[in-house]
Amino acid sequence: MKLINCLDCGKLMIPKFKEELCLECEHVQKQMESAIKSYIYHNPRATRMDVYMETGISLRIIDRLSNARN
């Protein structure tokens, strides 16, 4: 049995497949992803700094979500 730490909160967990986040952080991430999508939908020319300034979501998380989509 392999144990890893959640990338966001550091909580110890047993991963399923390629999970990197615990269930709580995954839920929060989905909410952040929704906020980012909504902001970009209404502001299609927004930069990552605009998204950070308007949503308050850290650049590290914005980059991680962006890289996960590519």
PDB file of N, CA and C in Angstrom:
ATOM      1  N   MET A   1       0.843  -1.169   0.000  1.00  0.00           N
ATOM      2  CA  MET A   1       0.000   0.000   0.000  1.00  0.00           C
ATOM      3  C   MET A   1       0.899   1.246   0.000  1.00  0.00           C
ATOM      4  N   LYS A   2       0.662   2.121  -0.956  1.00  0.00           N
ATOM      5  CA  LYS A   2       1.466   3.324  -1.097  1.00  0.00           C
ATOM      6  C   LYS A   2       0.747   4.509  -0.446  1.00  0.00           C
ATOM      7  N   LEU A   3       1.484   5.312   0.287  1.00  0.00           N
ATOM      8  CA  LEU A   3       0.943   6.521   0.896  1.00  0.00           C
ATOM      9  C   LEU A   3       1.623   7.736   0.280  1.00  0.00           C
ATOM     10  N   ILE A   4       0.841   8.785   0.053  1.00  0.00           N
ATOM     11  CA  ILE A   4       1.396  10.042  -0.445  1.00  0.00           C
ATOM     12  C   ILE A   4       0.776  11.192   0.344  1.00  0.00           C
ATOM     13  N   ASN A   5       1.356  12.362   0.197  1.00  0.00           N
ATOM     14  CA  ASN A   5       0.799  13.553   0.818  1.00  0.00           C
ATOM     15  C   ASN A   5       0.022  14.348  -0.224  1.00  0.00           C
ATOM     16  N   CYS A   6      -1.097  14.913   0.192  1.00  0.00           N
ATOM     17  CA  CYS A   6      -1.893  15.778  -0.671  1.00  0.00           C
ATOM     18  C   CYS A   6      -1.027  16.974  -1.081  1.00  0.00           C
ATOM     19  N   LEU A   7      -1.096  17.356  -2.350  1.00  0.00           N
ATOM     20  CA  LEU A   7      -0.287  18.469  -2.846  1.00  0.00           C
ATOM     21  C   LEU A   7      -0.666  19.798  -2.200  1.00  0.00           C
ATOM     22  N   ASP A   8      -1.921  19.964  -1.811  1.00  0.00           N
ATOM     23  CA  ASP A   8      -2.353  21.242  -1.246  1.00  0.00           C
ATOM     24  C   ASP A   8      -2.217  21.309   0.271  1.00  0.00           C
ATOM     25  N   CYS A   9      -2.806  20.345   0.969  1.00  0.00           N
ATOM     26  CA  CYS A   9      -2.843  20.452   2.430  1.00  0.00           C
ATOM     27  C   CYS A   9      -1.786  19.598   3.130  1.00  0.00           C
ATOM     28  N   GLY A  10      -1.184  18.663   2.412  1.00  0.00           N
ATOM     29  CA  GLY A  10      -0.153  17.815   2.999  1.00  0.00           C
ATOM     30  C   GLY A  10      -0.681  16.608   3.764  1.00  0.00           C
ATOM     31  N   LYS A  11      -1.980  16.440   3.782  1.00  0.00           N
ATOM     32  CA  LYS A  11      -2.612  15.323   4.474  1.00  0.00           C
ATOM     33  C   LYS A  11      -2.161  13.994   3.863  1.00  0.00           C
ATOM     34  N   LEU A  12      -1.879  13.026   4.701  1.00  0.00           N
ATOM     35  CA  LEU A  12      -1.466  11.705   4.253  1.00  0.00           C
ATOM     36  C   LEU A  12      -2.677  10.963   3.690  1.00  0.00           C
ATOM     37  N   MET A  13      -2.500  10.319   2.528  1.00  0.00           N
ATOM     38  CA  MET A  13      -3.628   9.633   1.893  1.00  0.00           C
ATOM     39  C   MET A  13      -3.147   8.453   1.065  1.00  0.00           C
ATOM     40  N   ILE A  14      -4.083   7.577   0.767  1.00  0.00           N
ATOM     41  CA  ILE A  14      -3.831   6.451  -0.128  1.00  0.00           C
ATOM     42  C   ILE A  14      -4.394   6.856  -1.495  1.00  0.00           C
ATOM     43  N   PRO A  15      -3.542   6.998  -2.496  1.00  0.00           N
ATOM     44  CA  PRO A  15      -4.033   7.472  -3.797  1.00  0.00           C
ATOM     45  C   PRO A  15      -4.792   6.390  -4.559  1.00  0.00           C
ATOM     46  N   LYS A  16      -5.801   6.842  -5.289  1.00  0.00           N
ATOM     47  CA  LYS A  16      -6.504   5.982  -6.233  1.00  0.00           C
ATOM     48  C   LYS A  16      -6.062   6.449  -7.606  1.00  0.00           C
ATOM     49  N   PHE A  17      -5.567   5.587  -8.405  1.00  0.00           N
ATOM     50  CA  PHE A  17      -5.058   5.911  -9.735  1.00  0.00           C
ATOM     51  C   PHE A  17      -3.943   6.944  -9.613  1.00  0.00           C
ATOM     52  N   LYS A  18      -4.115   8.129 -10.217  1.00  0.00           N
ATOM     53  CA  LYS A  18      -3.061   9.146 -10.191  1.00  0.00           C
ATOM     54  C   LYS A  18      -3.472  10.367  -9.377  1.00  0.00           C
ATOM     55  N   GLU A  19      -4.291  10.174  -8.374  1.00  0.00           N
ATOM     56  CA  GLU A  19      -4.728  11.286  -7.538  1.00  0.00           C
ATOM     57  C   GLU A  19      -3.547  11.945  -6.840  1.00  0.00           C
ATOM     58  N   GLU A  20      -3.594  13.256  -6.761  1.00  0.00           N
ATOM     59  CA  GLU A  20      -2.573  14.008  -6.050  1.00  0.00           C
ATOM     60  C   GLU A  20      -3.175  14.824  -4.919  1.00  0.00           C
ATOM     61  N   LEU A  21      -4.518  14.884  -4.865  1.00  0.00           N
ATOM     62  CA  LEU A  21      -5.209  15.671  -3.858  1.00  0.00           C
ATOM     63  C   LEU A  21      -6.138  14.790  -3.034  1.00  0.00           C
ATOM     64  N   CYS A  22      -6.305  15.151  -1.761  1.00  0.00           N
ATOM     65  CA  CYS A  22      -7.276  14.445  -0.925  1.00  0.00           C
ATOM     66  C   CYS A  22      -8.683  14.854  -1.376  1.00  0.00           C
ATOM     67  N   LEU A  23      -9.695  14.181  -0.901  1.00  0.00           N
ATOM     68  CA  LEU A  23     -11.066  14.453  -1.338  1.00  0.00           C
ATOM     69  C   LEU A  23     -11.502  15.882  -1.038  1.00  0.00           C
ATOM     70  N   GLU A  24     -11.126  16.394   0.139  1.00  0.00           N
ATOM     71  CA  GLU A  24     -11.514  17.752   0.506  1.00  0.00           C
ATOM     72  C   GLU A  24     -10.884  18.775  -0.440  1.00  0.00           C
ATOM     73  N   CYS A  25      -9.590  18.620  -0.697  1.00  0.00           N
ATOM     74  CA  CYS A  25      -8.893  19.556  -1.587  1.00  0.00           C
ATOM     75  C   CYS A  25      -9.378  19.423  -3.024  1.00  0.00           C
ATOM     76  N   GLU A  26      -9.744  18.219  -3.421  1.00  0.00           N
ATOM     77  CA  GLU A  26     -10.274  18.007  -4.765  1.00  0.00           C
ATOM     78  C   GLU A  26     -11.592  18.765  -4.942  1.00  0.00           C
ATOM     79  N   HIS A  27     -12.417  18.738  -3.911  1.00  0.00           N
ATOM     80  CA  HIS A  27     -13.694  19.468  -3.939  1.00  0.00           C
ATOM     81  C   HIS A  27     -13.440  20.977  -4.054  1.00  0.00           C
ATOM     82  N   VAL A  28     -12.512  21.479  -3.251  1.00  0.00           N
ATOM     83  CA  VAL A  28     -12.165  22.904  -3.289  1.00  0.00           C
ATOM     84  C   VAL A  28     -11.586  23.265  -4.653  1.00  0.00           C
ATOM     85  N   GLN A  29     -10.767  22.387  -5.205  1.00  0.00           N
ATOM     86  CA  GLN A  29     -10.167  22.639  -6.517  1.00  0.00           C
ATOM     87  C   GLN A  29     -11.239  22.749  -7.590  1.00  0.00           C
ATOM     88  N   LYS A  30     -12.264  21.907  -7.528  1.00  0.00           N
ATOM     89  CA  LYS A  30     -13.344  21.967  -8.512  1.00  0.00           C
ATOM     90  C   LYS A  30     -14.089  23.299  -8.413  1.00  0.00           C
ATOM     91  N   GLN A  31     -14.245  23.812  -7.193  1.00  0.00           N
ATOM     92  CA  GLN A  31     -14.885  25.115  -7.014  1.00  0.00           C
ATOM     93  C   GLN A  31     -14.013  26.223  -7.609  1.00  0.00           C
ATOM     94  N   MET A  32     -12.702  26.143  -7.384  1.00  0.00           N
ATOM     95  CA  MET A  32     -11.785  27.135  -7.936  1.00  0.00           C
ATOM     96  C   MET A  32     -11.778  27.068  -9.456  1.00  0.00           C
ATOM     97  N   GLU A  33     -11.783  25.857  -9.990  1.00  0.00           N
ATOM     98  CA  GLU A  33     -11.798  25.667 -11.436  1.00  0.00           C
ATOM     99  C   GLU A  33     -13.054  26.295 -12.038  1.00  0.00           C
ATOM    100  N   SER A  34     -14.168  26.132 -11.365  1.00  0.00           N
ATOM    101  CA  SER A  34     -15.418  26.726 -11.821  1.00  0.00           C
ATOM    102  C   SER A  34     -15.339  28.254 -11.797  1.00  0.00           C
ATOM    103  N   ALA A  35     -14.754  28.812 -10.745  1.00  0.00           N
ATOM    104  CA  ALA A  35     -14.602  30.267 -10.637  1.00  0.00           C
ATOM    105  C   ALA A  35     -13.698  30.797 -11.746  1.00  0.00           C
ATOM    106  N   ILE A  36     -12.627  30.085 -12.042  1.00  0.00           N
ATOM    107  CA  ILE A  36     -11.701  30.498 -13.109  1.00  0.00           C
ATOM    108  C   ILE A  36     -12.403  30.444 -14.460  1.00  0.00           C
ATOM    109  N   LYS A  37     -13.117  29.352 -14.729  1.00  0.00           N
ATOM    110  CA  LYS A  37     -13.824  29.220 -16.004  1.00  0.00           C
ATOM    111  C   LYS A  37     -14.840  30.339 -16.176  1.00  0.00           C
ATOM    112  N   SER A  38     -15.566  30.639 -15.126  1.00  0.00           N
ATOM    113  CA  SER A  38     -16.567  31.692 -15.173  1.00  0.00           C
ATOM    114  C   SER A  38     -15.920  33.045 -15.461  1.00  0.00           C
ATOM    115  N   TYR A  39     -14.820  33.327 -14.772  1.00  0.00           N
ATOM    116  CA  TYR A  39     -14.133  34.602 -14.979  1.00  0.00           C
ATOM    117  C   TYR A  39     -13.615  34.713 -16.404  1.00  0.00           C
ATOM    118  N   ILE A  40     -13.010  33.652 -16.913  1.00  0.00           N
ATOM    119  CA  ILE A  40     -12.464  33.681 -18.272  1.00  0.00           C
ATOM    120  C   ILE A  40     -13.585  33.757 -19.314  1.00  0.00           C
ATOM    121  N   TYR A  41     -14.707  33.125 -19.029  1.00  0.00           N
ATOM    122  CA  TYR A  41     -15.844  33.202 -19.948  1.00  0.00           C
ATOM    123  C   TYR A  41     -16.297  34.652 -20.101  1.00  0.00           C
ATOM    124  N   HIS A  42     -16.352  35.380 -18.991  1.00  0.00           N
ATOM    125  CA  HIS A  42     -16.792  36.771 -19.014  1.00  0.00           C
ATOM    126  C   HIS A  42     -15.674  37.742 -19.391  1.00  0.00           C
ATOM    127  N   ASN A  43     -14.435  37.288 -19.317  1.00  0.00           N
ATOM    128  CA  ASN A  43     -13.266  38.121 -19.640  1.00  0.00           C
ATOM    129  C   ASN A  43     -12.285  37.314 -20.488  1.00  0.00           C
ATOM    130  N   PRO A  44     -12.618  37.043 -21.742  1.00  0.00           N
ATOM    131  CA  PRO A  44     -11.803  36.140 -22.564  1.00  0.00           C
ATOM    132  C   PRO A  44     -10.365  36.593 -22.812  1.00  0.00           C
ATOM    133  N   ARG A  45     -10.079  37.872 -22.646  1.00  0.00           N
ATOM    134  CA  ARG A  45      -8.724  38.361 -22.878  1.00  0.00           C
ATOM    135  C   ARG A  45      -7.924  38.458 -21.577  1.00  0.00           C
ATOM    136  N   ALA A  46      -8.440  37.894 -20.523  1.00  0.00           N
ATOM    137  CA  ALA A  46      -7.784  37.981 -19.212  1.00  0.00           C
ATOM    138  C   ALA A  46      -6.464  37.205 -19.195  1.00  0.00           C
ATOM    139  N   THR A  47      -5.488  37.778 -18.519  1.00  0.00           N
ATOM    140  CA  THR A  47      -4.211  37.092 -18.313  1.00  0.00           C
ATOM    141  C   THR A  47      -4.308  36.289 -17.019  1.00  0.00           C
ATOM    142  N   ARG A  48      -3.303  35.464 -16.774  1.00  0.00           N
ATOM    143  CA  ARG A  48      -3.315  34.690 -15.525  1.00  0.00           C
ATOM    144  C   ARG A  48      -3.233  35.617 -14.320  1.00  0.00           C
ATOM    145  N   MET A  49      -2.566  36.771 -14.464  1.00  0.00           N
ATOM    146  CA  MET A  49      -2.480  37.731 -13.372  1.00  0.00           C
ATOM    147  C   MET A  49      -3.849  38.373 -13.118  1.00  0.00           C
ATOM    148  N   ASP A  50      -4.603  38.636 -14.186  1.00  0.00           N
ATOM    149  CA  ASP A  50      -5.967  39.156 -14.033  1.00  0.00           C
ATOM    150  C   ASP A  50      -6.824  38.156 -13.255  1.00  0.00           C
ATOM    151  N   VAL A  51      -6.701  36.884 -13.629  1.00  0.00           N
ATOM    152  CA  VAL A  51      -7.477  35.837 -12.955  1.00  0.00           C
ATOM    153  C   VAL A  51      -7.112  35.806 -11.476  1.00  0.00           C
ATOM    154  N   TYR A  52      -5.829  35.867 -11.176  1.00  0.00           N
ATOM    155  CA  TYR A  52      -5.364  35.875  -9.781  1.00  0.00           C
ATOM    156  C   TYR A  52      -5.925  37.076  -9.021  1.00  0.00           C
ATOM    157  N   MET A  53      -5.815  38.260  -9.613  1.00  0.00           N
ATOM    158  CA  MET A  53      -6.248  39.484  -8.930  1.00  0.00           C
ATOM    159  C   MET A  53      -7.763  39.504  -8.679  1.00  0.00           C
ATOM    160  N   GLU A  54      -8.528  38.989  -9.613  1.00  0.00           N
ATOM    161  CA  GLU A  54      -9.984  39.045  -9.496  1.00  0.00           C
ATOM    162  C   GLU A  54     -10.594  37.882  -8.706  1.00  0.00           C
ATOM    163  N   THR A  55      -9.961  36.707  -8.762  1.00  0.00           N
ATOM    164  CA  THR A  55     -10.533  35.546  -8.067  1.00  0.00           C
ATOM    165  C   THR A  55      -9.861  35.264  -6.730  1.00  0.00           C
ATOM    166  N   GLY A  56      -8.618  35.728  -6.587  1.00  0.00           N
ATOM    167  CA  GLY A  56      -7.882  35.447  -5.356  1.00  0.00           C
ATOM    168  C   GLY A  56      -7.267  34.054  -5.327  1.00  0.00           C
ATOM    169  N   ILE A  57      -7.383  33.327  -6.419  1.00  0.00           N
ATOM    170  CA  ILE A  57      -6.817  31.982  -6.499  1.00  0.00           C
ATOM    171  C   ILE A  57      -5.324  32.118  -6.813  1.00  0.00           C
ATOM    172  N   SER A  58      -4.488  31.411  -6.077  1.00  0.00           N
ATOM    173  CA  SER A  58      -3.045  31.568  -6.222  1.00  0.00           C
ATOM    174  C   SER A  58      -2.566  31.191  -7.626  1.00  0.00           C
ATOM    175  N   LEU A  59      -1.476  31.836  -8.028  1.00  0.00           N
ATOM    176  CA  LEU A  59      -0.899  31.552  -9.347  1.00  0.00           C
ATOM    177  C   LEU A  59      -0.446  30.101  -9.451  1.00  0.00           C
ATOM    178  N   ARG A  60       0.026  29.528  -8.352  1.00  0.00           N
ATOM    179  CA  ARG A  60       0.455  28.124  -8.354  1.00  0.00           C
ATOM    180  C   ARG A  60      -0.711  27.216  -8.731  1.00  0.00           C
ATOM    181  N   ILE A  61      -1.886  27.478  -8.166  1.00  0.00           N
ATOM    182  CA  ILE A  61      -3.059  26.655  -8.467  1.00  0.00           C
ATOM    183  C   ILE A  61      -3.561  26.930  -9.877  1.00  0.00           C
ATOM    184  N   ILE A  62      -3.557  28.195 -10.291  1.00  0.00           N
ATOM    185  CA  ILE A  62      -3.971  28.540 -11.655  1.00  0.00           C
ATOM    186  C   ILE A  62      -3.078  27.813 -12.656  1.00  0.00           C
ATOM    187  N   ASP A  63      -1.774  27.838 -12.422  1.00  0.00           N
ATOM    188  CA  ASP A  63      -0.840  27.156 -13.324  1.00  0.00           C
ATOM    189  C   ASP A  63      -1.059  25.649 -13.321  1.00  0.00           C
ATOM    190  N   ARG A  64      -1.270  25.078 -12.136  1.00  0.00           N
ATOM    191  CA  ARG A  64      -1.473  23.628 -12.049  1.00  0.00           C
ATOM    192  C   ARG A  64      -2.750  23.227 -12.801  1.00  0.00           C
ATOM    193  N   LEU A  65      -3.830  23.994 -12.652  1.00  0.00           N
ATOM    194  CA  LEU A  65      -5.066  23.684 -13.357  1.00  0.00           C
ATOM    195  C   LEU A  65      -4.898  23.879 -14.859  1.00  0.00           C
ATOM    196  N   SER A  66      -4.152  24.896 -15.240  1.00  0.00           N
ATOM    197  CA  SER A  66      -3.899  25.147 -16.656  1.00  0.00           C
ATOM    198  C   SER A  66      -3.091  24.014 -17.265  1.00  0.00           C
ATOM    199  N   ASN A  67      -2.072  23.553 -16.568  1.00  0.00           N
ATOM    200  CA  ASN A  67      -1.227  22.465 -17.066  1.00  0.00           C
ATOM    201  C   ASN A  67      -1.989  21.145 -17.111  1.00  0.00           C
ATOM    202  N   ALA A  68      -2.929  20.962 -16.204  1.00  0.00           N
ATOM    203  CA  ALA A  68      -3.719  19.725 -16.187  1.00  0.00           C
ATOM    204  C   ALA A  68      -4.633  19.656 -17.396  1.00  0.00           C
ATOM    205  N   ARG A  69      -5.009  20.798 -17.916  1.00  0.00           N
ATOM    206  CA  ARG A  69      -5.906  20.855 -19.073  1.00  0.00           C
ATOM    207  C   ARG A  69      -5.161  20.662 -20.383  1.00  0.00           C
ATOM    208  N   ASN A  70      -3.868  20.889 -20.388  1.00  0.00           N
ATOM    209  CA  ASN A  70      -3.087  20.785 -21.628  1.00  0.00           C
ATOM    210  C   ASN A  70      -2.604  19.384 -21.867  1.00  0.00           C
TER     211      ASN A  70
END
